[in-house]
Amino acid sequence: MKSEVAYKGTLNVRLGEGTHRRAAIYALTHNQSLNSFIDFAVQEKLAAYGKTEDKT
């Protein structure tokens, strides 16, 4: 996989209905947007995998 590909920062993700509901409720009760919650969750997973954050 090429790592030199330019990414826009947008991603359309399909979640199961229950996962979507739980994520939305979690974000709401923690004063976050759903997008911020998902972004953080992905960053957290990648950090555990040993990847570094790449903010451009």
N, C-alpha and C. Protein backbone atom coordinates (compact mmCIF):
# COMPACT_ATOMS: atom_id res chain seq x y z
N MET A 1 0.84 -1.18 0.00
CA MET A 1 0.00 0.00 0.00
C MET A 1 0.88 1.24 0.00
N LYS A 2 0.57 2.18 -0.86
CA LYS A 2 1.35 3.40 -0.96
C LYS A 2 1.01 4.35 0.19
N SER A 3 2.03 4.82 0.90
CA SER A 3 1.79 5.77 1.98
C SER A 3 1.90 7.20 1.48
N GLU A 4 2.23 7.40 0.22
CA GLU A 4 2.39 8.73 -0.35
C GLU A 4 1.08 9.28 -0.93
N VAL A 5 0.01 8.55 -0.80
CA VAL A 5 -1.29 8.99 -1.32
C VAL A 5 -1.79 10.16 -0.48
N ALA A 6 -2.31 11.19 -1.12
CA ALA A 6 -2.88 12.33 -0.39
C ALA A 6 -4.28 11.97 0.09
N TYR A 7 -4.54 12.19 1.37
CA TYR A 7 -5.85 11.90 1.95
C TYR A 7 -6.54 13.20 2.30
N LYS A 8 -7.84 13.28 2.02
CA LYS A 8 -8.62 14.49 2.26
C LYS A 8 -9.00 14.67 3.72
N GLY A 9 -9.06 13.59 4.46
CA GLY A 9 -9.49 13.69 5.85
C GLY A 9 -10.96 13.40 6.03
N THR A 10 -11.62 13.00 4.97
CA THR A 10 -13.02 12.61 5.08
C THR A 10 -13.13 11.11 4.84
N LEU A 11 -14.07 10.51 5.54
CA LEU A 11 -14.24 9.07 5.46
C LEU A 11 -15.70 8.74 5.77
N ASN A 12 -16.31 7.98 4.90
CA ASN A 12 -17.69 7.57 5.11
C ASN A 12 -17.67 6.16 5.69
N VAL A 13 -18.14 6.01 6.93
CA VAL A 13 -18.06 4.74 7.63
C VAL A 13 -19.45 4.20 7.89
N ARG A 14 -19.65 2.92 7.65
CA ARG A 14 -20.92 2.26 7.95
C ARG A 14 -20.77 1.51 9.26
N LEU A 15 -21.64 1.82 10.20
CA LEU A 15 -21.65 1.16 11.50
C LEU A 15 -22.96 0.42 11.65
N GLY A 16 -22.94 -0.63 12.43
CA GLY A 16 -24.19 -1.28 12.77
C GLY A 16 -25.05 -0.31 13.58
N GLU A 17 -26.34 -0.51 13.52
CA GLU A 17 -27.28 0.40 14.20
C GLU A 17 -26.97 0.53 15.69
N GLY A 18 -26.72 -0.58 16.35
CA GLY A 18 -26.42 -0.54 17.78
C GLY A 18 -25.12 0.17 18.09
N THR A 19 -24.09 -0.08 17.29
CA THR A 19 -22.80 0.59 17.47
C THR A 19 -22.95 2.08 17.26
N HIS A 20 -23.68 2.47 16.23
CA HIS A 20 -23.91 3.89 15.95
C HIS A 20 -24.61 4.56 17.13
N ARG A 21 -25.65 3.93 17.63
CA ARG A 21 -26.40 4.47 18.76
C ARG A 21 -25.52 4.61 19.99
N ARG A 22 -24.76 3.56 20.32
CA ARG A 22 -23.89 3.59 21.51
C ARG A 22 -22.81 4.66 21.38
N ALA A 23 -22.22 4.78 20.19
CA ALA A 23 -21.18 5.78 19.97
C ALA A 23 -21.75 7.20 20.08
N ALA A 24 -22.93 7.41 19.52
CA ALA A 24 -23.56 8.72 19.59
C ALA A 24 -23.90 9.09 21.02
N ILE A 25 -24.42 8.15 21.79
CA ILE A 25 -24.76 8.41 23.19
C ILE A 25 -23.50 8.68 23.99
N TYR A 26 -22.46 7.89 23.77
CA TYR A 26 -21.19 8.12 24.47
C TYR A 26 -20.66 9.52 24.18
N ALA A 27 -20.62 9.89 22.91
CA ALA A 27 -20.12 11.21 22.53
C ALA A 27 -20.95 12.32 23.17
N LEU A 28 -22.25 12.19 23.11
CA LEU A 28 -23.15 13.19 23.68
C LEU A 28 -22.94 13.35 25.18
N THR A 29 -22.81 12.24 25.88
CA THR A 29 -22.66 12.30 27.34
C THR A 29 -21.26 12.72 27.77
N HIS A 30 -20.32 12.77 26.81
CA HIS A 30 -18.96 13.24 27.11
C HIS A 30 -18.66 14.57 26.40
N ASN A 31 -19.72 15.28 26.03
CA ASN A 31 -19.59 16.60 25.39
C ASN A 31 -18.65 16.60 24.19
N GLN A 32 -18.79 15.60 23.34
CA GLN A 32 -18.00 15.48 22.12
C GLN A 32 -18.94 15.35 20.94
N SER A 33 -18.43 15.69 19.78
CA SER A 33 -19.18 15.36 18.58
C SER A 33 -18.90 13.88 18.28
N LEU A 34 -19.77 13.27 17.52
CA LEU A 34 -19.56 11.89 17.12
C LEU A 34 -18.28 11.78 16.30
N ASN A 35 -18.03 12.75 15.45
CA ASN A 35 -16.81 12.75 14.65
C ASN A 35 -15.56 12.78 15.53
N SER A 36 -15.56 13.65 16.55
CA SER A 36 -14.41 13.74 17.46
C SER A 36 -14.20 12.42 18.21
N PHE A 37 -15.30 11.81 18.65
CA PHE A 37 -15.20 10.54 19.35
C PHE A 37 -14.57 9.47 18.46
N ILE A 38 -15.05 9.36 17.22
CA ILE A 38 -14.53 8.35 16.31
C ILE A 38 -13.07 8.63 15.97
N ASP A 39 -12.73 9.89 15.75
CA ASP A 39 -11.34 10.27 15.46
C ASP A 39 -10.43 9.84 16.62
N PHE A 40 -10.84 10.14 17.86
CA PHE A 40 -10.05 9.77 19.02
C PHE A 40 -9.93 8.26 19.15
N ALA A 41 -11.03 7.55 18.92
CA ALA A 41 -11.02 6.09 19.04
C ALA A 41 -10.06 5.46 18.03
N VAL A 42 -10.04 5.98 16.82
CA VAL A 42 -9.12 5.46 15.80
C VAL A 42 -7.68 5.78 16.18
N GLN A 43 -7.43 7.00 16.64
CA GLN A 43 -6.07 7.37 17.08
C GLN A 43 -5.61 6.48 18.23
N GLU A 44 -6.50 6.22 19.17
CA GLU A 44 -6.18 5.37 20.31
C GLU A 44 -5.82 3.95 19.85
N LYS A 45 -6.59 3.42 18.92
CA LYS A 45 -6.32 2.08 18.40
C LYS A 45 -4.99 2.03 17.67
N LEU A 46 -4.70 3.05 16.86
CA LEU A 46 -3.44 3.09 16.13
C LEU A 46 -2.26 3.26 17.07
N ALA A 47 -2.42 4.01 18.14
CA ALA A 47 -1.35 4.18 19.13
C ALA A 47 -1.03 2.83 19.78
N ALA A 48 -2.04 2.06 20.07
CA ALA A 48 -1.84 0.74 20.66
C ALA A 48 -1.14 -0.20 19.67
N TYR A 49 -1.34 0.05 18.41
CA TYR A 49 -0.73 -0.75 17.35
C TYR A 49 0.70 -0.30 17.07
N GLY A 50 1.08 0.87 17.62
CA GLY A 50 2.43 1.37 17.45
C GLY A 50 2.59 2.37 16.33
N LYS A 51 1.50 2.90 15.85
CA LYS A 51 1.56 3.92 14.80
C LYS A 51 1.59 5.30 15.45
N THR A 52 2.25 6.24 14.80
CA THR A 52 2.28 7.61 15.32
C THR A 52 1.21 8.43 14.65
N GLU A 53 0.79 9.46 15.35
CA GLU A 53 -0.22 10.36 14.82
C GLU A 53 0.38 11.18 13.70
N ASP A 54 -0.35 11.35 12.62
CA ASP A 54 0.11 12.12 11.48
C ASP A 54 -0.87 13.24 11.21
N LYS A 55 -0.67 14.36 11.87
CA LYS A 55 -1.53 15.53 11.66
C LYS A 55 -0.86 16.45 10.64
N THR A 56 -1.59 16.79 9.60
CA THR A 56 -1.04 17.70 8.60
C THR A 56 -1.82 18.97 8.56
